[in-house]
Amino acid sequence: MFLSTLSYLGGFGTFGQVLLALPMALDLLGPPSFLLLSLLFTLHHFLYSTLRLVLKNTLLAPLISFLSFISPLISSLCILLTLYYHLHPPSAPPTTALLPSPAHLLVNVLPYLYAAVLRWVSPLFTLLEGISTLLVIQVAGRVGKGWADEEEREEGVEWRGIVGLVAAALVYSAGLAGVVMSFPLSTTSAFPAFLLGAALTAVLFLSLIGFTLRRTNVLETSLVFVYVVYSAWLSGVEAALETRQFGSGWLSRSWAVPKSVPETSVSALAKRALTGVVDSVWDIAQTLPPHLLLSLIYRVAVLHLAARIVPVIRKTSMGWNDGMDENNSNGNGDGGRPGFWDGRSLGQEPPNMRVTTVVLSYRRAILIAVYTHLLLLDAGSQTWWRWLNIALFLAVWSLELLLDADDDADSVTRWKVD
């Protein structure tokens, strides 16, 4: 119980630091320091996740809970290091030097490579959003259906069922309003309108198929409809806007210019950053286009929810705690120790589950990368990838509806885990 509390407090503190410190660095210090801080955060959580995988089910497993507890301290050191290098940037190595100094690599080379990697994997983040959204939608639909089915009838009226239908009707209405408000998606080409029509038709027929096979419900189909409309609307808005300077110039030194600050010491700059962190977050929120701000909030939230849902599905399917949630007990009657003693290591898991285990282990680093990527995203780079995301989203949903349609729900659970 004590170790679980330490892990929870450490994780919550680290999440708050990342959420507030990155916008602060971008607003106060400029893009170079922002990229450096994001890189340090990512490396910190990458190393922490690697230790979790290596030390799991060993005598050193309790060390992970301690590292989780001091994680906010490590994140604070990353912030101070960023402030220091902003005030005292390392000089370029002399031409006669065989290898650059570690400080030069860390400050002047790796952040730009990190930015390039984020830009290259940008489509992957978009597709990952779609898959995560589908998982969250299906869980919401199943939870809503279970809530309605547990109702005790009063005078022959199923009040929970009526509430669910009204909620689904409101969601459908919101989606239709989005179609009306965003159409036409483009004033220069009819192709986006054709894609939207094809996507909405696919949603309609897949919904009818799901109702016929009794594999879906009206709440799930309404959420699917709204997400398709949301993605199409974002694609149209981004295509109509001019590309932001952040996009094509991620590796441009003329763009990545640090901001000057009057402070000359790390302590004074840290005090200014701490007192003005809320103002920095507000300034960044006002600077970002509204659709990009909405996309940032939604993507981070849905990826976080999916990362919390998948371990629950795995535990239900396999009947044992997979150790992905360090705040829960392992279910073995050992007093609620964190999930680093679940009785199985990565090599003992089924081969088809190891990839999921690795991805979930590095979910914090992935979320930081997604957060950084969206803060620096240019307006038009995601236009056509969003349509591909809609196609993949509907294809996976159709597979979910049709796979083992004659079998029980356990087969669907196993497929989700695989």
Protein backbone atom coordinates (compact mmCIF):
# COMPACT_ATOMS: atom_id res chain seq x y z
CA MET A 1 0.00 0.00 0.00
CA PHE A 2 2.81 2.41 0.92
CA LEU A 3 4.76 1.69 -2.26
CA SER A 4 1.61 2.08 -4.35
CA THR A 5 0.97 5.48 -2.77
CA LEU A 6 4.53 6.58 -3.47
CA SER A 7 4.23 5.48 -7.10
CA TYR A 8 0.92 7.29 -7.51
CA LEU A 9 2.21 10.53 -6.00
CA GLY A 10 5.36 10.38 -8.11
CA GLY A 11 3.44 9.74 -11.31
CA PHE A 12 0.94 12.51 -10.60
CA GLY A 13 3.70 15.01 -9.80
CA THR A 14 5.63 14.14 -12.95
CA PHE A 15 2.50 14.46 -15.10
CA GLY A 16 1.86 17.95 -13.73
CA GLN A 17 5.44 19.01 -14.36
CA VAL A 18 5.38 17.87 -17.98
CA LEU A 19 1.98 19.42 -18.60
CA LEU A 20 3.07 22.84 -17.34
CA ALA A 21 6.82 22.97 -17.95
CA LEU A 22 6.80 22.37 -21.71
CA PRO A 23 4.48 25.32 -22.55
CA MET A 24 6.47 27.44 -20.11
CA ALA A 25 9.73 26.60 -21.89
CA LEU A 26 8.24 27.32 -25.31
CA ASP A 27 6.79 30.66 -24.25
CA LEU A 28 9.60 31.90 -22.00
CA LEU A 29 12.76 30.39 -23.49
CA GLY A 30 11.91 29.63 -27.11
CA PRO A 31 11.84 26.52 -29.33
CA PRO A 32 15.46 25.32 -28.75
CA SER A 33 15.07 25.10 -24.97
CA PHE A 34 11.58 23.68 -25.39
CA LEU A 35 12.93 20.84 -27.54
CA LEU A 36 15.81 20.26 -25.11
CA LEU A 37 13.43 20.00 -22.15
CA SER A 38 11.10 17.66 -24.01
CA LEU A 39 14.08 15.51 -25.00
CA LEU A 40 15.25 15.31 -21.38
CA PHE A 41 11.75 14.38 -20.21
CA THR A 42 11.50 11.70 -22.90
CA LEU A 43 14.92 10.23 -22.08
CA HIS A 44 14.05 10.21 -18.38
CA HIS A 45 10.86 8.22 -18.88
CA PHE A 46 12.46 6.01 -21.53
CA LEU A 47 15.17 4.95 -19.10
CA TYR A 48 12.63 4.52 -16.30
CA SER A 49 10.44 2.29 -18.49
CA THR A 50 13.46 0.26 -19.56
CA LEU A 51 14.38 -0.36 -15.92
CA ARG A 52 10.80 -1.44 -15.25
CA LEU A 53 11.04 -4.09 -17.94
CA VAL A 54 14.50 -5.26 -16.87
CA LEU A 55 13.95 -5.33 -13.09
CA LYS A 56 10.42 -6.70 -13.12
CA ASN A 57 10.06 -9.84 -10.94
CA THR A 58 13.60 -9.52 -9.61
CA LEU A 59 14.96 -8.71 -6.17
CA LEU A 60 15.50 -5.13 -7.33
CA ALA A 61 11.85 -4.63 -8.30
CA PRO A 62 11.06 -2.40 -5.25
CA LEU A 63 13.65 0.03 -6.62
CA ILE A 64 11.15 0.95 -9.35
CA SER A 65 8.69 2.30 -6.80
CA PHE A 66 11.45 4.44 -5.31
CA LEU A 67 12.41 5.76 -8.73
CA SER A 68 8.77 6.53 -9.42
CA PHE A 69 8.56 8.49 -6.17
CA ILE A 70 11.65 10.60 -6.97
CA SER A 71 10.56 11.06 -10.59
CA PRO A 72 9.34 14.64 -9.91
CA LEU A 73 12.79 15.44 -8.50
CA ILE A 74 14.46 14.13 -11.65
CA SER A 75 12.04 16.13 -13.80
CA SER A 76 12.88 19.23 -11.75
CA LEU A 77 16.57 18.63 -12.41
CA CYS A 78 15.78 18.40 -16.12
CA ILE A 79 14.07 21.81 -15.93
CA LEU A 80 17.00 23.35 -14.07
CA LEU A 81 19.44 21.88 -16.59
CA THR A 82 17.42 23.43 -19.41
CA LEU A 83 17.45 26.82 -17.68
CA TYR A 84 21.20 26.56 -17.14
CA TYR A 85 21.98 25.78 -20.77
CA HIS A 86 19.65 28.57 -21.89
CA LEU A 87 21.74 31.05 -19.91
CA HIS A 88 25.08 29.37 -20.61
CA PRO A 89 24.87 27.59 -23.98
CA PRO A 90 27.88 25.42 -24.85
CA SER A 91 30.19 26.77 -27.48
CA ALA A 92 30.70 25.07 -30.80
CA PRO A 93 33.64 22.64 -30.86
CA PRO A 94 36.82 23.77 -32.59
CA THR A 95 37.40 22.57 -36.11
CA THR A 96 40.40 20.53 -34.96
CA ALA A 97 38.37 18.50 -32.44
CA LEU A 98 37.70 14.90 -33.42
CA LEU A 99 34.48 14.63 -31.39
CA PRO A 100 32.16 17.37 -30.10
CA SER A 101 31.67 17.78 -26.39
CA PRO A 102 28.73 15.97 -24.72
CA ALA A 103 27.18 19.31 -23.80
CA HIS A 104 27.28 20.47 -27.42
CA LEU A 105 25.66 17.24 -28.57
CA LEU A 106 22.96 17.47 -25.93
CA VAL A 107 22.07 21.12 -26.52
CA ASN A 108 22.89 21.88 -30.15
CA VAL A 109 22.48 18.57 -31.98
CA LEU A 110 20.13 16.08 -30.32
CA PRO A 111 17.11 18.44 -29.94
CA TYR A 112 17.03 19.07 -33.69
CA LEU A 113 17.31 15.36 -34.45
CA TYR A 114 14.55 14.78 -31.92
CA ALA A 115 12.36 17.34 -33.71
CA ALA A 116 13.05 15.62 -37.04
CA VAL A 117 12.02 12.25 -35.60
CA LEU A 118 8.78 13.75 -34.26
CA ARG A 119 7.99 15.12 -37.69
CA TRP A 120 8.74 11.80 -39.41
CA VAL A 121 6.49 9.83 -37.06
CA SER A 122 3.69 12.41 -37.25
CA PRO A 123 1.44 10.10 -39.32
CA LEU A 124 1.94 7.33 -36.76
CA PHE A 125 0.60 9.59 -34.01
CA THR A 126 -2.49 10.32 -36.10
CA LEU A 127 -3.18 6.64 -36.72
CA LEU A 128 -2.52 5.81 -33.07
CA GLU A 129 -5.14 8.38 -32.12
CA GLY A 130 -7.73 6.58 -34.27
CA ILE A 131 -7.03 3.16 -32.78
CA SER A 132 -7.09 4.55 -29.25
CA THR A 133 -10.34 6.36 -29.97
CA LEU A 134 -11.96 3.16 -31.19
CA LEU A 135 -10.92 1.36 -28.00
CA VAL A 136 -12.29 4.15 -25.79
CA ILE A 137 -15.55 4.30 -27.80
CA GLN A 138 -16.12 0.57 -27.50
CA VAL A 139 -15.47 0.60 -23.78
CA ALA A 140 -17.84 3.56 -23.37
CA GLY A 141 -20.49 1.69 -25.37
CA ARG A 142 -20.12 -1.50 -23.34
CA VAL A 143 -20.16 0.40 -20.05
CA GLY A 144 -23.26 2.33 -21.09
CA LYS A 145 -25.03 -0.85 -22.15
CA GLY A 146 -24.09 -2.59 -18.91
CA TRP A 147 -25.34 0.37 -16.91
CA ALA A 148 -28.69 0.28 -18.72
CA ASP A 149 -29.01 -3.52 -18.38
CA GLU A 150 -28.55 -3.38 -14.60
CA GLU A 151 -31.64 -1.23 -14.18
CA GLU A 152 -34.45 -2.47 -12.01
CA ARG A 153 -37.71 -1.78 -13.77
CA GLU A 154 -40.03 0.64 -12.08
CA GLU A 155 -43.63 0.60 -13.27
CA GLY A 156 -42.54 -0.98 -16.53
CA VAL A 157 -40.39 1.99 -17.63
CA GLU A 158 -36.67 1.47 -18.26
CA TRP A 159 -35.36 4.89 -17.28
CA ARG A 160 -31.70 4.09 -17.86
CA GLY A 161 -32.40 2.85 -21.35
CA ILE A 162 -34.29 6.03 -22.14
CA VAL A 163 -31.43 8.15 -20.81
CA GLY A 164 -29.00 6.19 -22.98
CA LEU A 165 -31.13 6.72 -26.08
CA VAL A 166 -31.45 10.43 -25.39
CA ALA A 167 -27.69 10.71 -24.90
CA ALA A 168 -27.03 8.87 -28.16
CA ALA A 169 -29.55 11.12 -29.95
CA LEU A 170 -27.75 14.20 -28.65
CA VAL A 171 -24.41 12.81 -29.85
CA TYR A 172 -25.89 12.11 -33.29
CA SER A 173 -27.32 15.63 -33.39
CA ALA A 174 -23.93 17.10 -32.53
CA GLY A 175 -22.36 15.07 -35.34
CA LEU A 176 -24.97 16.21 -37.87
CA ALA A 177 -24.48 19.82 -36.75
CA GLY A 178 -20.76 19.36 -37.36
CA VAL A 179 -21.41 18.09 -40.89
CA VAL A 180 -23.65 21.07 -41.69
CA MET A 181 -21.24 23.61 -40.21
CA SER A 182 -18.10 22.22 -41.84
CA PHE A 183 -19.52 21.45 -45.28
CA PRO A 184 -18.12 22.02 -47.84
CA LEU A 185 -14.76 20.90 -46.51
CA SER A 186 -12.93 22.56 -49.39
CA THR A 187 -13.89 25.34 -51.76
CA THR A 188 -11.33 24.34 -54.38
CA SER A 189 -11.97 20.60 -54.73
CA ALA A 190 -14.94 18.24 -54.44
CA PHE A 191 -12.75 15.30 -53.47
CA PRO A 192 -12.92 15.92 -49.67
CA ALA A 193 -16.74 16.02 -49.94
CA PHE A 194 -16.63 12.70 -51.78
CA LEU A 195 -14.45 11.19 -49.04
CA LEU A 196 -16.80 12.49 -46.35
CA GLY A 197 -19.80 10.98 -48.11
CA ALA A 198 -18.03 7.64 -48.46
CA ALA A 199 -17.03 7.67 -44.77
CA LEU A 200 -20.55 8.52 -43.56
CA THR A 201 -22.03 5.84 -45.80
CA ALA A 202 -19.58 3.31 -44.37
CA VAL A 203 -20.58 4.35 -40.84
CA LEU A 204 -24.25 3.88 -41.71
CA PHE A 205 -23.85 0.40 -43.19
CA LEU A 206 -21.45 -0.78 -40.49
CA SER A 207 -23.92 0.43 -37.86
CA LEU A 208 -26.72 -1.55 -39.51
CA ILE A 209 -24.49 -4.62 -39.71
CA GLY A 210 -23.55 -4.24 -36.05
CA PHE A 211 -27.19 -3.92 -35.01
CA THR A 212 -28.11 -6.99 -37.06
CA LEU A 213 -25.34 -9.09 -35.53
CA ARG A 214 -26.03 -7.61 -32.08
CA ARG A 215 -22.37 -6.61 -31.80
CA THR A 216 -22.83 -2.89 -31.14
CA ASN A 217 -25.27 -0.42 -29.62
CA VAL A 218 -26.58 3.02 -30.42
CA LEU A 219 -24.17 4.79 -28.05
CA GLU A 220 -21.13 3.23 -29.69
CA THR A 221 -22.33 3.98 -33.23
CA SER A 222 -23.11 7.59 -32.33
CA LEU A 223 -19.60 8.11 -30.95
CA VAL A 224 -18.11 6.52 -34.07
CA PHE A 225 -20.17 8.91 -36.19
CA VAL A 226 -19.01 11.95 -34.24
CA TYR A 227 -15.33 10.96 -34.43
CA VAL A 228 -15.52 10.53 -38.20
CA VAL A 229 -17.11 13.98 -38.51
CA TYR A 230 -14.52 15.43 -36.12
CA SER A 231 -11.61 14.03 -38.13
CA ALA A 232 -13.10 15.23 -41.43
CA TRP A 233 -13.67 18.69 -39.97
CA LEU A 234 -10.06 18.90 -38.77
CA SER A 235 -8.84 17.86 -42.20
CA GLY A 236 -10.87 20.62 -43.85
CA VAL A 237 -9.80 23.30 -41.38
CA GLU A 238 -6.12 22.40 -41.66
CA ALA A 239 -6.24 22.35 -45.45
CA ALA A 240 -7.73 25.87 -45.52
CA LEU A 241 -5.05 27.41 -43.29
CA GLU A 242 -1.59 28.52 -44.26
CA THR A 243 1.23 26.38 -43.05
CA ARG A 244 2.60 27.64 -39.75
CA GLN A 245 6.24 28.57 -39.46
CA PHE A 246 6.80 25.71 -37.03
CA GLY A 247 6.19 23.08 -39.68
CA SER A 248 8.65 23.35 -42.53
CA GLY A 249 11.35 24.93 -40.39
CA TRP A 250 11.80 22.41 -37.63
CA LEU A 251 15.45 21.94 -38.57
CA SER A 252 15.97 25.58 -39.55
CA ARG A 253 18.34 27.47 -37.28
CA SER A 254 16.71 30.73 -38.41
CA TRP A 255 13.44 29.56 -36.85
CA ALA A 256 14.88 27.96 -33.72
CA VAL A 257 16.17 31.14 -32.13
CA PRO A 258 16.24 31.26 -28.32
CA LYS A 259 14.45 34.11 -26.60
CA SER A 260 16.47 36.57 -24.58
CA VAL A 261 15.74 36.90 -20.86
CA PRO A 262 16.92 39.61 -18.46
CA GLU A 263 17.87 37.11 -15.74
CA THR A 264 21.53 36.14 -15.44
CA SER A 265 21.30 33.35 -12.86
CA VAL A 266 19.49 30.03 -12.88
CA SER A 267 17.77 30.76 -9.56
CA ALA A 268 16.31 34.05 -10.79
CA LEU A 269 15.17 32.49 -14.07
CA ALA A 270 13.67 29.53 -12.22
CA LYS A 271 11.75 31.90 -9.93
CA ARG A 272 10.39 33.79 -12.93
CA ALA A 273 9.42 30.55 -14.68
CA LEU A 274 7.68 29.21 -11.57
CA THR A 275 5.68 32.37 -10.91
CA GLY A 276 4.72 32.80 -14.56
CA VAL A 277 3.98 29.20 -15.52
CA VAL A 278 0.20 29.75 -15.62
CA ASP A 279 0.63 32.86 -17.78
CA SER A 280 2.89 30.90 -20.14
CA VAL A 281 0.32 28.13 -20.53
CA TRP A 282 -2.37 30.73 -21.22
CA ASP A 283 -0.18 32.51 -23.78
CA ILE A 284 0.50 29.25 -25.62
CA ALA A 285 -3.21 28.38 -25.55
CA GLN A 286 -3.99 31.75 -27.15
CA THR A 287 -1.21 31.39 -29.72
CA LEU A 288 -2.28 27.98 -30.98
CA PRO A 289 -5.15 27.89 -33.49
CA PRO A 290 -8.39 26.76 -31.79
CA HIS A 291 -8.62 23.56 -33.83
CA LEU A 292 -5.03 22.64 -32.95
CA LEU A 293 -5.65 23.32 -29.26
CA LEU A 294 -8.70 21.05 -29.41
CA SER A 295 -6.69 18.39 -31.24
CA LEU A 296 -3.92 18.60 -28.63
CA ILE A 297 -6.30 18.17 -25.69
CA TYR A 298 -8.23 15.38 -27.37
CA ARG A 299 -5.25 13.35 -28.54
CA VAL A 300 -3.40 13.44 -25.25
CA ALA A 301 -6.59 12.58 -23.35
CA VAL A 302 -7.62 9.67 -25.58
CA LEU A 303 -4.11 8.16 -25.62
CA HIS A 304 -3.98 8.40 -21.83
CA LEU A 305 -7.39 6.72 -21.49
CA ALA A 306 -6.41 3.94 -23.91
CA ALA A 307 -3.20 3.35 -21.94
CA ARG A 308 -5.33 2.90 -18.80
CA ILE A 309 -7.90 0.65 -20.47
CA VAL A 310 -5.62 -1.87 -22.18
CA PRO A 311 -4.07 -3.24 -18.92
CA VAL A 312 -7.57 -3.80 -17.54
CA ILE A 313 -8.56 -5.77 -20.66
CA ARG A 314 -5.36 -7.81 -20.46
CA LYS A 315 -5.91 -8.59 -16.79
CA THR A 316 -9.51 -9.64 -17.41
CA SER A 317 -8.55 -11.84 -20.36
CA MET A 318 -5.49 -13.52 -18.85
CA GLY A 319 -6.69 -13.74 -15.26
CA TRP A 320 -3.52 -12.27 -13.80
CA ASN A 321 -2.09 -8.81 -13.28
CA ASP A 322 0.31 -7.95 -16.06
CA GLY A 323 2.12 -5.39 -13.94
CA MET A 324 1.39 -2.47 -16.23
CA ASP A 325 -0.48 -0.52 -13.55
CA GLU A 326 1.91 0.15 -10.72
CA ASN A 327 -0.86 1.53 -8.52
CA ASN A 328 -2.79 -1.76 -8.25
CA SER A 329 -2.06 -4.87 -6.29
CA ASN A 330 -1.08 -7.98 -8.16
CA GLY A 331 -3.98 -10.03 -6.94
CA ASN A 332 -1.83 -12.70 -5.34
CA GLY A 333 -2.67 -11.85 -1.76
CA ASP A 334 0.67 -10.26 -1.03
CA GLY A 335 -0.66 -7.12 0.60
CA GLY A 336 -1.08 -5.04 -2.51
CA ARG A 337 2.44 -4.63 -3.74
CA PRO A 338 2.84 -2.72 -7.00
CA GLY A 339 2.63 -4.68 -10.20
CA PHE A 340 6.31 -5.55 -10.49
CA TRP A 341 5.77 -9.01 -8.93
CA ASP A 342 3.08 -10.50 -11.15
CA GLY A 343 4.85 -13.83 -11.52
CA ARG A 344 5.74 -13.47 -15.20
CA SER A 345 8.51 -11.72 -17.03
CA LEU A 346 8.40 -10.35 -20.56
CA GLY A 347 9.92 -13.56 -21.94
CA GLN A 348 7.20 -15.68 -20.30
CA GLU A 349 4.34 -13.79 -21.94
CA PRO A 350 2.71 -15.04 -25.15
CA PRO A 351 4.62 -13.72 -28.19
CA ASN A 352 1.60 -11.84 -29.52
CA MET A 353 1.36 -9.83 -26.29
CA ARG A 354 4.97 -8.78 -25.91
CA VAL A 355 4.70 -5.87 -28.33
CA THR A 356 1.72 -4.50 -26.41
CA THR A 357 3.61 -4.87 -23.14
CA VAL A 358 6.58 -2.94 -24.50
CA VAL A 359 4.40 -0.16 -25.94
CA LEU A 360 2.48 0.19 -22.67
CA SER A 361 5.72 0.25 -20.72
CA TYR A 362 6.90 3.26 -22.73
CA ARG A 363 3.50 5.01 -22.75
CA ARG A 364 4.74 7.98 -20.71
CA ALA A 365 7.56 8.73 -23.13
CA ILE A 366 5.12 8.35 -26.03
CA LEU A 367 2.66 10.79 -24.44
CA ILE A 368 5.43 13.36 -23.94
CA ALA A 369 6.44 12.99 -27.59
CA VAL A 370 2.81 13.40 -28.70
CA TYR A 371 2.39 16.47 -26.51
CA THR A 372 5.57 18.03 -27.89
CA HIS A 373 4.63 17.18 -31.44
CA LEU A 374 1.23 18.85 -31.20
CA LEU A 375 2.66 22.02 -29.67
CA LEU A 376 4.93 22.40 -32.70
CA LEU A 377 2.64 20.94 -35.35
CA ASP A 378 2.13 22.86 -38.57
CA ALA A 379 -1.40 23.34 -39.83
CA GLY A 380 -1.39 21.47 -43.09
CA SER A 381 0.80 18.43 -42.49
CA GLN A 382 -2.01 16.18 -41.26
CA THR A 383 -4.71 16.85 -43.86
CA TRP A 384 -4.56 13.64 -45.87
CA TRP A 385 -3.30 11.50 -43.02
CA ARG A 386 -6.54 12.22 -41.20
CA TRP A 387 -8.50 10.69 -44.08
CA LEU A 388 -6.25 7.62 -43.93
CA ASN A 389 -6.89 7.54 -40.20
CA ILE A 390 -10.66 7.52 -40.84
CA ALA A 391 -10.23 4.61 -43.27
CA LEU A 392 -8.14 2.63 -40.79
CA PHE A 393 -10.53 3.48 -37.96
CA LEU A 394 -13.55 2.17 -39.88
CA ALA A 395 -11.64 -0.87 -41.15
CA VAL A 396 -10.66 -1.94 -37.64
CA TRP A 397 -14.20 -1.30 -36.41
CA SER A 398 -15.62 -3.48 -39.21
CA LEU A 399 -13.15 -6.21 -38.29
CA GLU A 400 -14.31 -5.96 -34.69
CA LEU A 401 -17.95 -6.25 -35.74
CA LEU A 402 -17.46 -9.18 -38.10
CA LEU A 403 -14.73 -11.19 -36.36
CA ASP A 404 -16.13 -14.29 -34.73
CA ALA A 405 -19.64 -12.88 -34.97
CA ASP A 406 -21.18 -16.20 -33.95
CA ASP A 407 -18.94 -16.66 -30.92
CA ASP A 408 -19.27 -15.25 -27.46
CA ALA A 409 -17.79 -12.03 -26.16
CA ASP A 410 -14.67 -13.79 -24.88
CA SER A 411 -13.36 -14.17 -28.42
CA VAL A 412 -13.61 -10.42 -28.92
CA THR A 413 -11.71 -9.83 -25.69
CA ARG A 414 -8.96 -12.19 -26.81
CA TRP A 415 -8.76 -10.45 -30.20
CA LYS A 416 -8.42 -7.05 -28.52
CA VAL A 417 -5.58 -8.33 -26.35
CA ASP A 418 -3.81 -9.88 -29.33
